[in-house]
Amino acid sequence: MCGLSVEQYRFFGENGYLRVEGLIGNEELQALDRHSMALACNEVDLNGLPVEARNEGTSPADMEDKYFRFIQFHKHLELHERYMLHGRVLDVLAQLIGPDVMAMQSMLFLKPPGQTGQAYHQDSFYIKTFPDTLCGAWIAIDDCDEENGCMGFVAGSNNEPIHQEVGAPENREAFNENLTEIQGVDESREVMAKAKAGDVVFFHGHLIHRSRQNRSADRFRRAYVCHYANARSYTEWGGGNSAHILARGQTHLEYAEPRFVEYDPLA
């Protein structure tokens, strides 16, 4: 059991994020490292699954120019589901959002040098739960800092309502075409979410955040990011509650079973 201190719990409530150092062990991290590079080199049979990439080449030059996002692959690949249901990650989530945890979304990001980032946004704008209990868990596969495009959090914005987003202006750096932008953000409140490989950064669904451009010469910024909510929250997102895994505890709502991992949510 990975127990949080009172100070950590209070910090999350006040600031909307919490970095837990070394939550993913070295051997587990190496497995994620090998898998992500195998995906990038087209060495994993994806059987036609959709992948977002800037090019299809596998030469060293092409590799440096790639940007992959593997979304919802926990429905198709065992490793993605296994890390989505990682025991120590769920231990922390159970303390932050309650003992009943629903696993909803997975995204593997492979961000090469030069790749842009994402606009300011709140995840609960897109993934709505009732009550609103959404929480992200961001597993750092590489060390990440301002140079290679770490996330930036507007500390304390978790205590603000969901803001209306508008189209991103053309003169701002690094916006993903699928995201709109929250305008008028007080950037003086932004905290750079630096992390070491193996750290996990948890962040509230209302937290305003963005990611920066990878300005490094030769460093990837890879991360496996999953979103969760209290399993007793109702959602219509992604097919509704029946499409999402009961990862921990119990619920009165419908839920999905894991597809690959033998797992007891009450264990």
Protein backbone atom coordinates (compact mmCIF):
# COMPACT_ATOMS: atom_id res chain seq x y z
CA MET A 1 0.00 0.00 0.00
CA CYS A 2 1.41 3.39 -1.01
CA GLY A 3 0.13 5.71 1.68
CA LEU A 4 0.08 9.49 1.32
CA SER A 5 0.99 11.81 4.15
CA VAL A 6 -1.40 14.44 5.44
CA GLU A 7 0.87 17.06 3.86
CA GLN A 8 0.68 15.38 0.44
CA TYR A 9 -3.10 15.10 0.62
CA ARG A 10 -3.42 18.75 1.65
CA PHE A 11 -1.02 19.83 -1.12
CA PHE A 12 -3.13 18.07 -3.75
CA GLY A 13 -6.30 19.71 -2.47
CA GLU A 14 -4.78 23.18 -2.47
CA ASN A 15 -2.77 22.99 -5.70
CA GLY A 16 -4.50 20.34 -7.82
CA TYR A 17 -1.47 18.17 -8.49
CA LEU A 18 0.93 15.87 -6.68
CA ARG A 19 4.17 14.25 -7.81
CA VAL A 20 4.92 10.91 -6.17
CA GLU A 21 8.57 10.08 -6.68
CA GLY A 22 9.69 6.66 -7.88
CA LEU A 23 6.24 5.09 -7.85
CA ILE A 24 7.12 2.96 -10.89
CA GLY A 25 10.04 0.60 -10.24
CA ASN A 26 13.11 0.29 -12.47
CA GLU A 27 12.13 -3.04 -14.05
CA GLU A 28 8.60 -1.80 -14.72
CA LEU A 29 9.99 1.39 -16.20
CA GLN A 30 12.33 -0.56 -18.47
CA ALA A 31 9.36 -2.55 -19.78
CA LEU A 32 7.56 0.69 -20.67
CA ASP A 33 10.75 2.03 -22.23
CA ARG A 34 11.25 -1.02 -24.45
CA HIS A 35 7.59 -1.16 -25.43
CA SER A 36 7.34 2.50 -26.37
CA MET A 37 10.43 2.34 -28.56
CA ALA A 38 9.21 -0.86 -30.20
CA LEU A 39 5.97 0.94 -31.04
CA ALA A 40 7.89 3.89 -32.45
CA CYS A 41 10.00 1.57 -34.62
CA ASN A 42 6.93 -0.26 -35.97
CA GLU A 43 8.03 -3.47 -34.26
CA VAL A 44 4.64 -4.14 -32.64
CA ASP A 45 1.82 -5.63 -34.69
CA LEU A 46 -1.02 -3.17 -34.18
CA ASN A 47 -3.35 -5.00 -36.56
CA GLY A 48 -4.68 -1.79 -38.06
CA LEU A 49 -5.20 0.11 -34.81
CA PRO A 50 -5.20 3.89 -35.29
CA VAL A 51 -1.97 5.71 -34.44
CA GLU A 52 -1.32 9.43 -34.73
CA ALA A 53 2.10 10.09 -36.28
CA ARG A 54 3.75 12.78 -38.37
CA ASN A 55 5.43 10.28 -40.70
CA GLU A 56 5.71 6.54 -41.25
CA GLY A 57 9.49 6.28 -41.66
CA THR A 58 11.80 4.33 -39.34
CA SER A 59 15.19 5.90 -40.18
CA PRO A 60 16.99 7.81 -37.39
CA ALA A 61 15.99 11.09 -39.04
CA ASP A 62 12.37 9.97 -39.29
CA MET A 63 12.38 8.83 -35.68
CA GLU A 64 13.43 12.30 -34.54
CA ASP A 65 10.51 13.80 -36.46
CA LYS A 66 7.80 11.49 -35.18
CA TYR A 67 5.03 12.24 -32.77
CA PHE A 68 2.87 9.37 -31.65
CA ARG A 69 -0.23 9.24 -29.50
CA PHE A 70 -1.55 5.79 -28.72
CA ILE A 71 -5.04 6.40 -27.33
CA GLN A 72 -7.18 3.78 -25.55
CA PHE A 73 -4.73 1.00 -26.37
CA HIS A 74 -5.53 -0.58 -23.00
CA LYS A 75 -8.48 -2.07 -24.89
CA HIS A 76 -6.10 -3.82 -27.28
CA LEU A 77 -2.67 -4.42 -25.67
CA GLU A 78 -2.03 -6.20 -22.38
CA LEU A 79 0.82 -3.96 -21.26
CA HIS A 80 -1.29 -0.81 -21.58
CA GLU A 81 -4.06 -2.32 -19.45
CA ARG A 82 -1.56 -3.65 -16.92
CA TYR A 83 -0.03 -0.23 -16.29
CA MET A 84 -3.44 1.41 -16.26
CA LEU A 85 -4.28 -0.92 -13.36
CA HIS A 86 -0.91 -0.52 -11.63
CA GLY A 87 -1.42 -1.26 -7.95
CA ARG A 88 0.59 1.61 -6.48
CA VAL A 89 -1.01 4.12 -8.85
CA LEU A 90 -4.44 2.89 -7.73
CA ASP A 91 -3.35 3.10 -4.08
CA VAL A 92 -2.74 6.82 -4.50
CA LEU A 93 -5.92 7.38 -6.50
CA ALA A 94 -8.00 5.64 -3.85
CA GLN A 95 -6.77 8.23 -1.36
CA LEU A 96 -7.32 11.19 -3.67
CA ILE A 97 -10.74 10.42 -5.20
CA GLY A 98 -12.12 7.70 -2.93
CA PRO A 99 -11.77 3.93 -2.52
CA ASP A 100 -13.87 3.09 -5.60
CA VAL A 101 -11.87 3.80 -8.76
CA MET A 102 -12.94 3.63 -12.41
CA ALA A 103 -10.25 3.50 -15.14
CA MET A 104 -11.47 5.46 -18.16
CA GLN A 105 -8.79 6.57 -20.60
CA SER A 106 -5.20 5.71 -21.53
CA MET A 107 -2.75 7.65 -23.71
CA LEU A 108 0.87 6.89 -24.51
CA PHE A 109 2.72 10.01 -25.69
CA LEU A 110 6.05 9.82 -27.53
CA LYS A 111 7.21 13.41 -27.92
CA PRO A 112 10.40 13.85 -29.99
CA PRO A 113 12.69 16.88 -30.16
CA GLY A 114 11.00 19.79 -31.89
CA GLN A 115 7.47 18.59 -31.30
CA THR A 116 4.99 21.17 -30.10
CA GLY A 117 2.81 20.90 -27.03
CA GLN A 118 -0.82 21.49 -26.09
CA ALA A 119 -2.85 24.54 -25.14
CA TYR A 120 -4.14 25.39 -21.69
CA HIS A 121 -7.09 23.14 -20.98
CA GLN A 122 -8.98 21.30 -18.24
CA ASP A 123 -9.55 17.59 -18.69
CA SER A 124 -13.00 17.71 -17.11
CA PHE A 125 -14.09 19.95 -20.01
CA TYR A 126 -13.79 16.86 -22.23
CA ILE A 127 -14.37 13.93 -19.85
CA LYS A 128 -17.42 14.74 -17.78
CA THR A 129 -18.36 12.74 -14.68
CA PHE A 130 -21.20 13.32 -12.21
CA PRO A 131 -20.18 14.00 -9.47
CA ASP A 132 -17.04 15.51 -10.97
CA THR A 133 -14.21 13.29 -9.70
CA LEU A 134 -11.85 13.06 -12.68
CA CYS A 135 -8.15 12.64 -11.94
CA GLY A 136 -5.17 12.03 -14.23
CA ALA A 137 -2.07 9.95 -13.51
CA TRP A 138 0.98 10.85 -15.63
CA ILE A 139 3.76 8.24 -15.60
CA ALA A 140 7.09 9.73 -16.67
CA ILE A 141 9.03 7.29 -18.87
CA ASP A 142 11.80 9.85 -19.41
CA ASP A 143 13.11 12.60 -17.19
CA CYS A 144 11.09 15.67 -18.13
CA ASP A 145 11.79 19.35 -17.65
CA GLU A 146 11.23 22.65 -19.40
CA GLU A 147 13.74 21.82 -22.13
CA ASN A 148 12.04 18.65 -23.39
CA GLY A 149 8.46 19.77 -22.90
CA CYS A 150 7.17 19.07 -19.42
CA MET A 151 3.67 20.06 -18.38
CA GLY A 152 2.81 23.39 -16.81
CA PHE A 153 0.15 23.54 -14.08
CA VAL A 154 -1.77 26.63 -12.98
CA ALA A 155 -1.54 25.93 -9.27
CA GLY A 156 -4.84 26.11 -7.42
CA SER A 157 -7.01 26.19 -10.54
CA ASN A 158 -8.47 22.86 -9.46
CA ASN A 159 -10.66 24.95 -7.16
CA GLU A 160 -12.06 26.93 -10.10
CA PRO A 161 -15.06 25.95 -12.25
CA ILE A 162 -14.74 24.57 -15.76
CA HIS A 163 -13.88 27.46 -18.07
CA GLN A 164 -15.34 27.95 -21.51
CA GLU A 165 -12.67 27.28 -24.12
CA VAL A 166 -12.25 29.16 -27.39
CA GLY A 167 -10.24 28.59 -30.55
CA ALA A 168 -6.48 28.78 -30.07
CA PRO A 169 -4.82 31.87 -31.58
CA GLU A 170 -2.32 31.22 -34.35
CA ASN A 171 0.53 33.13 -32.74
CA ARG A 172 0.84 30.93 -29.66
CA GLU A 173 3.22 28.00 -29.68
CA ALA A 174 2.33 24.38 -29.79
CA PHE A 175 -1.33 23.65 -29.80
CA ASN A 176 -2.76 20.29 -30.64
CA GLU A 177 -5.37 20.68 -33.34
CA ASN A 178 -7.92 18.74 -31.30
CA LEU A 179 -7.83 21.12 -28.33
CA THR A 180 -9.22 24.58 -27.88
CA GLU A 181 -7.76 27.04 -25.41
CA ILE A 182 -8.68 28.67 -22.13
CA GLN A 183 -7.90 32.37 -22.49
CA GLY A 184 -6.93 34.92 -19.87
CA VAL A 185 -4.91 32.48 -17.75
CA ASP A 186 -2.64 34.08 -15.15
CA GLU A 187 0.64 32.55 -16.29
CA SER A 188 2.42 33.85 -13.18
CA ARG A 189 0.70 31.01 -11.30
CA GLU A 190 2.11 28.36 -13.64
CA VAL A 191 4.36 25.72 -12.11
CA MET A 192 6.56 23.53 -14.28
CA ALA A 193 5.80 19.88 -13.52
CA LYS A 194 9.33 18.51 -13.70
CA ALA A 195 9.62 14.79 -13.06
CA LYS A 196 12.14 11.97 -13.09
CA ALA A 197 11.56 8.74 -14.97
CA GLY A 198 9.41 6.54 -12.74
CA ASP A 199 7.68 9.43 -11.01
CA VAL A 200 3.90 9.69 -11.30
CA VAL A 201 2.18 13.08 -11.38
CA PHE A 202 -1.47 13.09 -10.32
CA PHE A 203 -3.64 16.04 -11.34
CA HIS A 204 -7.24 17.09 -10.76
CA GLY A 205 -9.69 17.23 -13.67
CA HIS A 206 -10.26 20.97 -13.15
CA LEU A 207 -6.56 21.83 -13.08
CA ILE A 208 -5.64 24.18 -15.93
CA HIS A 209 -2.55 22.80 -17.62
CA ARG A 210 -0.60 22.69 -20.84
CA SER A 211 2.55 21.10 -22.21
CA ARG A 212 5.48 22.95 -23.73
CA GLN A 213 7.37 22.37 -26.94
CA ASN A 214 10.22 19.86 -26.79
CA ARG A 215 13.12 22.25 -27.39
CA SER A 216 15.85 19.72 -26.67
CA ALA A 217 18.30 18.58 -29.32
CA ASP A 218 18.10 14.85 -28.72
CA ARG A 219 15.75 13.99 -25.83
CA PHE A 220 12.35 12.34 -26.14
CA ARG A 221 9.65 13.12 -23.61
CA ARG A 222 7.61 9.96 -23.23
CA ALA A 223 4.74 9.52 -20.81
CA TYR A 224 1.90 7.10 -20.17
CA VAL A 225 -1.16 9.02 -19.02
CA CYS A 226 -4.42 7.56 -17.73
CA HIS A 227 -7.60 9.18 -16.49
CA TYR A 228 -9.72 7.85 -13.67
CA ALA A 229 -12.80 8.83 -11.70
CA ASN A 230 -14.63 7.62 -8.64
CA ALA A 231 -16.44 4.47 -9.75
CA ARG A 232 -19.69 5.79 -8.29
CA SER A 233 -19.64 8.81 -10.61
CA TYR A 234 -21.93 8.60 -13.63
CA THR A 235 -20.51 9.30 -17.08
CA GLU A 236 -21.66 9.18 -20.67
CA TRP A 237 -18.13 9.72 -21.97
CA GLY A 238 -16.53 6.97 -24.04
CA GLY A 239 -19.56 4.71 -24.06
CA GLY A 240 -20.67 5.27 -20.47
CA ASN A 241 -19.83 3.49 -17.23
CA SER A 242 -20.27 0.04 -18.75
CA ALA A 243 -17.28 0.70 -21.04
CA HIS A 244 -14.84 1.53 -18.23
CA ILE A 245 -12.97 -0.81 -15.91
CA LEU A 246 -13.77 -1.04 -12.21
CA ALA A 247 -10.16 -0.76 -11.07
CA ARG A 248 -10.63 -0.65 -7.31
CA GLY A 249 -13.49 -1.09 -4.84
CA GLN A 250 -17.18 -1.39 -5.66
CA THR A 251 -19.93 0.50 -7.50
CA HIS A 252 -23.70 0.46 -7.96
CA LEU A 253 -23.21 1.34 -11.65
CA GLU A 254 -22.36 -0.84 -14.61
CA TYR A 255 -18.69 -1.44 -15.37
CA ALA A 256 -16.33 -3.37 -17.61
CA GLU A 257 -13.99 -6.19 -16.66
CA PRO A 258 -10.30 -6.12 -17.60
CA ARG A 259 -9.64 -7.81 -20.93
CA PHE A 260 -6.13 -9.12 -20.31
CA VAL A 261 -5.16 -8.80 -16.66
CA GLU A 262 -6.54 -11.11 -13.99
CA TYR A 263 -7.68 -8.57 -11.47
CA ASP A 264 -9.79 -8.39 -8.32
CA PRO A 265 -10.90 -4.81 -7.53
CA LEU A 266 -11.55 -5.80 -3.92
CA ALA A 267 -8.07 -7.27 -3.36
